[in-house]
């Protein structure tokens, strides 16, 4: 039996519509879609403050340090400043916001060690922000575990 070209076009378009409907249903059924930040728009408006904080951090005589110690499976965060008033270290996972970890910076503590075995392998951003002498400071470091 020979099928005319008109029927072939209809079958092809029908298959395409069915395939696209399948893909749309998969996308709609996903429940693990995460924004970069819950307060994305608020953060975007305050971005100039972050740029100023980064510039102040670069102007410091002693730079903060974030390093991954592979042998010990530790992440070391060194903030060599005794005058830190408050702050936070954020281990940010861009692919899944549920994996983010936050550590509050304690007054007087200059070194923090995090057990990297508790973090999933892959790409992480370490975001450190703190207040010192009434000024905000900020730094980011990208890590691949």
N, C-alpha and C. Protein backbone atom coordinates (compact mmCIF):
# COMPACT_ATOMS: atom_id res chain seq x y z
N UNK A 1 0.84 -1.16 0.00
CA UNK A 1 0.00 0.00 0.00
C UNK A 1 0.89 1.24 0.00
N UNK A 2 0.58 2.15 -0.86
CA UNK A 2 1.37 3.36 -1.00
C UNK A 2 0.65 4.52 -0.32
N UNK A 3 1.40 5.28 0.54
CA UNK A 3 0.83 6.42 1.24
C UNK A 3 1.23 7.69 0.48
N UNK A 4 0.27 8.56 0.26
CA UNK A 4 0.57 9.80 -0.47
C UNK A 4 1.36 10.75 0.43
N UNK A 5 2.00 11.72 -0.16
CA UNK A 5 2.84 12.65 0.57
C UNK A 5 2.04 13.50 1.55
N UNK A 6 0.78 13.76 1.28
CA UNK A 6 -0.07 14.53 2.18
C UNK A 6 -0.26 13.82 3.51
N UNK A 7 -0.49 12.50 3.47
CA UNK A 7 -0.63 11.73 4.70
C UNK A 7 0.69 11.68 5.48
N UNK A 8 1.80 11.61 4.76
CA UNK A 8 3.11 11.60 5.41
C UNK A 8 3.35 12.90 6.18
N UNK A 9 2.96 14.03 5.60
CA UNK A 9 3.11 15.32 6.26
C UNK A 9 2.24 15.37 7.52
N UNK A 10 1.00 14.88 7.42
CA UNK A 10 0.09 14.88 8.57
C UNK A 10 0.64 13.97 9.67
N UNK A 11 1.15 12.82 9.33
CA UNK A 11 1.73 11.90 10.32
C UNK A 11 2.95 12.54 10.98
N UNK A 12 3.81 13.18 10.18
CA UNK A 12 5.00 13.84 10.71
C UNK A 12 4.61 14.97 11.67
N UNK A 13 3.67 15.82 11.29
CA UNK A 13 3.23 16.90 12.16
C UNK A 13 2.56 16.37 13.43
N UNK A 14 1.77 15.33 13.29
CA UNK A 14 1.14 14.71 14.46
C UNK A 14 2.18 14.17 15.43
N UNK A 15 3.22 13.53 14.92
CA UNK A 15 4.30 13.01 15.76
C UNK A 15 5.05 14.15 16.44
N UNK A 16 5.26 15.22 15.71
CA UNK A 16 5.95 16.38 16.29
C UNK A 16 5.14 16.99 17.43
N UNK A 17 3.84 17.16 17.23
CA UNK A 17 2.96 17.71 18.25
C UNK A 17 2.93 16.78 19.48
N UNK A 18 2.88 15.49 19.28
CA UNK A 18 2.86 14.55 20.39
C UNK A 18 4.18 14.62 21.17
N UNK A 19 5.30 14.70 20.47
CA UNK A 19 6.60 14.79 21.12
C UNK A 19 6.73 16.09 21.92
N UNK A 20 6.30 17.21 21.34
CA UNK A 20 6.37 18.49 22.04
C UNK A 20 5.44 18.49 23.27
N UNK A 21 4.29 17.88 23.16
CA UNK A 21 3.37 17.78 24.30
C UNK A 21 4.01 16.97 25.42
N UNK A 22 4.70 15.91 25.07
CA UNK A 22 5.41 15.10 26.05
C UNK A 22 6.48 15.93 26.77
N UNK A 23 7.28 16.69 26.03
CA UNK A 23 8.32 17.51 26.64
C UNK A 23 7.73 18.59 27.54
N UNK A 24 6.64 19.21 27.13
CA UNK A 24 6.00 20.24 27.95
C UNK A 24 5.47 19.61 29.24
N UNK A 25 4.89 18.44 29.16
CA UNK A 25 4.38 17.79 30.37
C UNK A 25 5.51 17.45 31.34
N UNK A 26 6.67 17.08 30.83
CA UNK A 26 7.83 16.81 31.70
C UNK A 26 8.27 18.10 32.39
N UNK A 27 8.33 19.20 31.65
CA UNK A 27 8.76 20.48 32.24
C UNK A 27 7.78 20.97 33.30
N UNK A 28 6.50 20.81 33.07
CA UNK A 28 5.49 21.26 34.02
C UNK A 28 5.52 20.41 35.29
N UNK A 29 5.85 19.14 35.16
CA UNK A 29 5.85 18.23 36.30
C UNK A 29 7.06 18.41 37.22
N UNK A 30 8.08 19.16 36.81
CA UNK A 30 9.27 19.36 37.64
C UNK A 30 8.91 20.19 38.86
N UNK A 31 9.41 19.79 40.01
CA UNK A 31 9.16 20.55 41.23
C UNK A 31 10.44 21.07 41.86
N UNK A 32 11.58 20.83 41.25
CA UNK A 32 12.84 21.26 41.83
C UNK A 32 13.45 22.45 41.09
N UNK A 33 12.61 23.37 40.66
CA UNK A 33 13.09 24.57 39.99
C UNK A 33 13.38 25.61 41.06
N UNK A 34 14.61 26.12 41.08
CA UNK A 34 15.02 27.07 42.11
C UNK A 34 15.52 28.34 41.45
N UNK A 35 15.12 29.47 41.99
CA UNK A 35 15.68 30.73 41.56
C UNK A 35 17.08 30.87 42.16
N UNK A 36 17.86 31.75 41.59
CA UNK A 36 19.20 31.98 42.11
C UNK A 36 19.12 32.44 43.55
N UNK A 37 18.16 33.30 43.84
CA UNK A 37 17.96 33.83 45.18
C UNK A 37 16.48 34.12 45.35
N UNK A 38 15.95 33.90 46.53
CA UNK A 38 14.53 34.17 46.75
C UNK A 38 14.22 35.65 46.64
N UNK A 39 15.17 36.48 47.01
CA UNK A 39 15.00 37.93 46.92
C UNK A 39 15.82 38.48 45.75
N UNK A 40 15.67 37.88 44.60
CA UNK A 40 16.51 38.20 43.45
C UNK A 40 16.44 39.68 43.07
N UNK A 41 15.24 40.23 42.98
CA UNK A 41 15.09 41.61 42.53
C UNK A 41 15.63 42.60 43.56
N UNK A 42 15.42 42.31 44.83
CA UNK A 42 15.95 43.16 45.90
C UNK A 42 17.47 43.14 45.87
N UNK A 43 18.05 41.96 45.67
CA UNK A 43 19.51 41.83 45.58
C UNK A 43 20.06 42.60 44.38
N UNK A 44 19.35 42.57 43.28
CA UNK A 44 19.80 43.24 42.06
C UNK A 44 19.84 44.75 42.27
N UNK A 45 18.86 45.30 42.97
CA UNK A 45 18.82 46.74 43.23
C UNK A 45 19.96 47.18 44.15
N UNK A 46 20.40 46.31 45.03
CA UNK A 46 21.47 46.65 45.98
C UNK A 46 22.84 46.24 45.46
N UNK A 47 22.98 46.00 44.17
CA UNK A 47 24.24 45.48 43.64
C UNK A 47 25.38 46.49 43.72
N UNK A 48 25.08 47.80 43.62
CA UNK A 48 26.15 48.80 43.72
C UNK A 48 26.81 48.75 45.09
N UNK A 49 26.04 48.46 46.13
CA UNK A 49 26.63 48.31 47.47
C UNK A 49 27.61 47.14 47.49
N UNK A 50 27.28 46.06 46.78
CA UNK A 50 28.18 44.91 46.71
C UNK A 50 29.47 45.26 45.96
N UNK A 51 29.34 46.02 44.90
CA UNK A 51 30.53 46.45 44.14
C UNK A 51 31.44 47.29 45.04
N UNK A 52 30.85 48.20 45.82
CA UNK A 52 31.64 49.02 46.74
C UNK A 52 32.30 48.15 47.81
N UNK A 53 31.58 47.15 48.31
CA UNK A 53 32.14 46.25 49.34
C UNK A 53 33.30 45.44 48.77
N UNK A 54 33.19 45.01 47.52
CA UNK A 54 34.28 44.28 46.87
C UNK A 54 35.51 45.18 46.73
N UNK A 55 35.28 46.43 46.35
CA UNK A 55 36.40 47.38 46.20
C UNK A 55 37.08 47.62 47.55
N UNK A 56 36.30 47.74 48.62
CA UNK A 56 36.90 47.92 49.95
C UNK A 56 37.70 46.68 50.35
N UNK A 57 37.20 45.50 49.99
CA UNK A 57 37.91 44.26 50.32
C UNK A 57 39.26 44.20 49.59
N UNK A 58 39.27 44.61 48.31
CA UNK A 58 40.52 44.61 47.55
C UNK A 58 41.53 45.63 48.10
N UNK A 59 41.01 46.67 48.75
CA UNK A 59 41.90 47.71 49.29
C UNK A 59 42.51 47.33 50.64
N UNK A 60 42.07 46.24 51.25
CA UNK A 60 42.60 45.83 52.54
C UNK A 60 44.06 45.39 52.42
N UNK A 61 44.84 45.65 53.47
CA UNK A 61 46.25 45.25 53.47
C UNK A 61 46.37 43.72 53.50
N UNK A 62 45.57 43.07 54.34
CA UNK A 62 45.56 41.61 54.41
C UNK A 62 44.28 41.11 53.74
N UNK A 63 44.43 40.29 52.73
CA UNK A 63 43.28 39.78 52.01
C UNK A 63 42.72 38.54 52.71
N UNK A 64 41.39 38.39 52.71
CA UNK A 64 40.81 37.16 53.24
C UNK A 64 41.18 35.98 52.34
N UNK A 65 41.14 34.79 52.91
CA UNK A 65 41.57 33.60 52.18
C UNK A 65 40.51 32.52 52.28
N UNK A 66 40.19 31.92 51.15
CA UNK A 66 39.33 30.74 51.09
C UNK A 66 40.08 29.71 50.28
N UNK A 67 40.35 28.55 50.89
CA UNK A 67 41.07 27.52 50.15
C UNK A 67 40.52 26.14 50.48
N UNK A 68 40.57 25.28 49.48
CA UNK A 68 40.13 23.90 49.64
C UNK A 68 41.36 23.04 49.88
N UNK A 69 41.40 22.38 51.03
CA UNK A 69 42.51 21.48 51.37
C UNK A 69 42.07 20.07 50.98
N UNK A 70 42.55 19.65 49.83
CA UNK A 70 42.08 18.40 49.24
C UNK A 70 42.40 17.17 50.08
N UNK A 71 43.60 17.12 50.64
CA UNK A 71 44.01 15.94 51.40
C UNK A 71 43.16 15.74 52.66
N UNK A 72 42.87 16.85 53.34
CA UNK A 72 42.09 16.77 54.59
C UNK A 72 40.59 16.87 54.34
N UNK A 73 40.21 17.18 53.09
CA UNK A 73 38.80 17.41 52.73
C UNK A 73 38.18 18.47 53.62
N UNK A 74 38.87 19.60 53.71
CA UNK A 74 38.42 20.74 54.51
C UNK A 74 38.45 21.99 53.64
N UNK A 75 37.54 22.91 53.96
CA UNK A 75 37.55 24.22 53.35
C UNK A 75 37.91 25.21 54.45
N UNK A 76 38.98 25.95 54.22
CA UNK A 76 39.48 26.89 55.22
C UNK A 76 39.11 28.30 54.78
N UNK A 77 38.48 29.03 55.68
CA UNK A 77 38.16 30.44 55.47
C UNK A 77 38.92 31.23 56.53
N UNK A 78 39.80 32.10 56.08
CA UNK A 78 40.64 32.88 56.98
C UNK A 78 40.30 34.36 56.81
N UNK A 79 39.84 34.96 57.88
CA UNK A 79 39.54 36.40 57.91
C UNK A 79 40.45 37.03 58.96
N UNK A 80 41.61 37.54 58.55
CA UNK A 80 42.60 38.00 59.53
C UNK A 80 42.31 39.40 60.08
N UNK A 81 41.09 39.58 60.59
CA UNK A 81 40.70 40.89 61.11
C UNK A 81 40.03 40.69 62.47
N UNK A 82 40.54 41.34 63.49
CA UNK A 82 39.96 41.20 64.82
C UNK A 82 38.75 42.11 65.01
N UNK A 83 38.57 43.10 64.14
CA UNK A 83 37.52 44.10 64.33
C UNK A 83 36.21 43.75 63.62
N UNK A 84 36.04 42.52 63.17
CA UNK A 84 34.79 42.15 62.50
C UNK A 84 33.64 42.21 63.50
N UNK A 85 32.60 42.94 63.10
CA UNK A 85 31.44 43.09 63.97
C UNK A 85 30.42 41.97 63.76
N UNK A 86 30.14 41.67 62.50
CA UNK A 86 29.21 40.60 62.15
C UNK A 86 29.45 40.20 60.71
N UNK A 87 28.91 39.04 60.33
CA UNK A 87 29.07 38.60 58.96
C UNK A 87 28.59 37.18 58.77
N UNK A 88 28.82 36.67 57.55
CA UNK A 88 28.33 35.34 57.20
C UNK A 88 29.18 34.75 56.08
N UNK A 89 29.38 33.45 56.16
CA UNK A 89 30.03 32.69 55.09
C UNK A 89 28.93 31.82 54.48
N UNK A 90 28.71 31.97 53.18
CA UNK A 90 27.67 31.22 52.48
C UNK A 90 28.33 30.28 51.49
N UNK A 91 28.05 29.00 51.62
CA UNK A 91 28.47 28.00 50.63
C UNK A 91 27.29 27.82 49.70
N UNK A 92 27.40 28.40 48.51
CA UNK A 92 26.29 28.54 47.58
C UNK A 92 26.42 27.52 46.45
N UNK A 93 25.38 26.74 46.26
CA UNK A 93 25.35 25.73 45.18
C UNK A 93 24.37 26.24 44.12
N UNK A 94 24.85 26.74 42.99
CA UNK A 94 23.95 27.31 41.98
C UNK A 94 22.94 26.32 41.43
N UNK A 95 23.26 25.04 41.39
CA UNK A 95 22.36 24.07 40.78
C UNK A 95 21.22 23.65 41.70
N UNK A 96 21.34 23.87 43.01
CA UNK A 96 20.29 23.45 43.94
C UNK A 96 20.37 24.28 45.22
N UNK A 97 19.42 25.18 45.40
CA UNK A 97 19.44 26.08 46.56
C UNK A 97 19.25 25.34 47.88
N UNK A 98 18.71 24.13 47.83
CA UNK A 98 18.50 23.37 49.07
C UNK A 98 19.82 22.91 49.69
N UNK A 99 20.91 22.92 48.92
CA UNK A 99 22.21 22.46 49.43
C UNK A 99 23.05 23.58 50.02
N UNK A 100 22.59 24.83 49.95
CA UNK A 100 23.36 25.95 50.48
C UNK A 100 23.59 25.79 51.98
N UNK A 101 24.75 26.24 52.43
CA UNK A 101 25.08 26.21 53.86
C UNK A 101 25.54 27.60 54.28
N UNK A 102 25.10 28.02 55.45
CA UNK A 102 25.47 29.32 56.00
C UNK A 102 26.17 29.14 57.33
N UNK A 103 27.24 29.92 57.52
CA UNK A 103 27.96 29.93 58.78
C UNK A 103 28.07 31.38 59.23
N UNK A 104 27.59 31.67 60.42
CA UNK A 104 27.70 33.03 60.96
C UNK A 104 29.13 33.28 61.41
N UNK A 105 29.62 34.46 61.12
CA UNK A 105 30.97 34.85 61.55
C UNK A 105 30.86 35.34 62.98
N UNK A 106 31.65 34.74 63.86
CA UNK A 106 31.66 35.10 65.27
C UNK A 106 32.69 36.20 65.51
N UNK A 107 32.35 37.11 66.37
CA UNK A 107 33.27 38.20 66.71
C UNK A 107 34.53 37.63 67.37
N UNK A 108 35.68 38.01 66.87
CA UNK A 108 36.94 37.56 67.44
C UNK A 108 37.49 36.29 66.81
N UNK A 109 36.67 35.53 66.10
CA UNK A 109 37.15 34.30 65.45
C UNK A 109 37.63 34.64 64.05
N UNK A 110 38.83 34.23 63.71
CA UNK A 110 39.41 34.60 62.42
C UNK A 110 39.54 33.44 61.45
N UNK A 111 39.40 32.21 61.92
CA UNK A 111 39.56 31.05 61.04
C UNK A 111 38.38 30.10 61.20
N UNK A 112 37.89 29.63 60.05
CA UNK A 112 36.77 28.70 60.02
C UNK A 112 37.16 27.51 59.16
N UNK A 113 36.86 26.30 59.63
CA UNK A 113 37.11 25.07 58.88
C UNK A 113 35.78 24.36 58.69
N UNK A 114 35.48 24.01 57.44
CA UNK A 114 34.27 23.27 57.15
C UNK A 114 34.67 21.92 56.57
N UNK A 115 34.03 20.90 57.06
CA UNK A 115 34.27 19.55 56.55
C UNK A 115 33.65 19.46 55.15
N UNK A 116 34.49 19.39 54.13
CA UNK A 116 34.02 19.37 52.74
C UNK A 116 33.35 18.06 52.37
N UNK A 117 33.52 17.03 53.18
CA UNK A 117 32.87 15.76 52.86
C UNK A 117 31.35 15.85 53.05
N UNK A 118 30.88 16.88 53.76
CA UNK A 118 29.44 17.08 53.90
C UNK A 118 28.83 17.76 52.69
N UNK A 119 29.67 18.29 51.79
CA UNK A 119 29.20 18.96 50.58
C UNK A 119 29.30 18.00 49.41
N UNK A 120 28.34 18.08 48.51
CA UNK A 120 28.37 17.24 47.32
C UNK A 120 29.49 17.69 46.39
N UNK A 121 30.09 16.77 45.66
CA UNK A 121 31.12 17.16 44.69
C UNK A 121 30.51 18.03 43.60
N UNK A 122 31.33 18.93 43.08
CA UNK A 122 30.88 19.79 41.99
C UNK A 122 31.24 21.24 42.25
N UNK A 123 30.51 22.12 41.60
CA UNK A 123 30.79 23.55 41.62
C UNK A 123 30.11 24.22 42.82
N UNK A 124 30.88 24.99 43.56
CA UNK A 124 30.39 25.76 44.71
C UNK A 124 30.95 27.16 44.63
N UNK A 125 30.20 28.11 45.16
CA UNK A 125 30.71 29.47 45.34
C UNK A 125 30.69 29.75 46.84
N UNK A 126 31.82 30.25 47.34
CA UNK A 126 31.90 30.66 48.73
C UNK A 126 31.77 32.17 48.74
N UNK A 127 30.71 32.67 49.37
CA UNK A 127 30.45 34.10 49.43
C UNK A 127 30.59 34.53 50.89
N UNK A 128 31.50 35.46 51.12
CA UNK A 128 31.78 35.93 52.48
C UNK A 128 31.47 37.43 52.53
N UNK A 129 30.62 37.80 53.48
CA UNK A 129 30.39 39.24 53.68
C UNK A 129 30.43 39.53 55.17
N UNK A 130 30.96 40.70 55.50
CA UNK A 130 31.11 41.06 56.90
C UNK A 130 31.10 42.58 57.05
N UNK A 131 30.89 43.00 58.30
CA UNK A 131 30.93 44.42 58.68
C UNK A 131 32.16 44.62 59.57
N UNK A 132 32.88 45.69 59.27
CA UNK A 132 34.06 46.00 60.06
C UNK A 132 34.22 47.52 60.07
N UNK A 133 34.32 48.10 61.23
CA UNK A 133 34.46 49.56 61.38
C UNK A 133 33.33 50.32 60.68
N UNK A 134 32.14 49.76 60.73
CA UNK A 134 30.97 50.42 60.14
C UNK A 134 30.88 50.31 58.62
N UNK A 135 31.77 49.55 57.98
CA UNK A 135 31.79 49.39 56.52
C UNK A 135 31.49 47.94 56.16
N UNK A 136 30.86 47.74 55.01
CA UNK A 136 30.58 46.40 54.50
C UNK A 136 31.73 45.93 53.61
N UNK A 137 32.04 44.63 53.72
CA UNK A 137 33.07 43.99 52.89
C UNK A 137 32.49 42.72 52.31
N UNK A 138 33.01 42.33 51.12
CA UNK A 138 32.45 41.16 50.43
C UNK A 138 33.52 40.53 49.56
N UNK A 139 33.50 39.20 49.51
CA UNK A 139 34.39 38.48 48.58
C UNK A 139 33.71 37.19 48.14
N UNK A 140 34.06 36.72 46.96
CA UNK A 140 33.57 35.45 46.43
C UNK A 140 34.75 34.61 45.97
N UNK A 141 34.59 33.31 46.11
CA UNK A 141 35.61 32.37 45.63
C UNK A 141 34.88 31.17 45.04
N UNK A 142 35.27 30.75 43.86
CA UNK A 142 34.67 29.59 43.21
C UNK A 142 35.49 28.35 43.54
N UNK A 143 34.80 27.28 43.92
CA UNK A 143 35.47 26.03 44.28
C UNK A 143 34.87 24.88 43.49
N UNK A 144 35.71 23.94 43.11
CA UNK A 144 35.29 22.69 42.49
C UNK A 144 35.72 21.56 43.41
N UNK A 145 34.76 20.91 44.03
CA UNK A 145 35.08 19.83 44.97
C UNK A 145 35.06 18.49 44.24
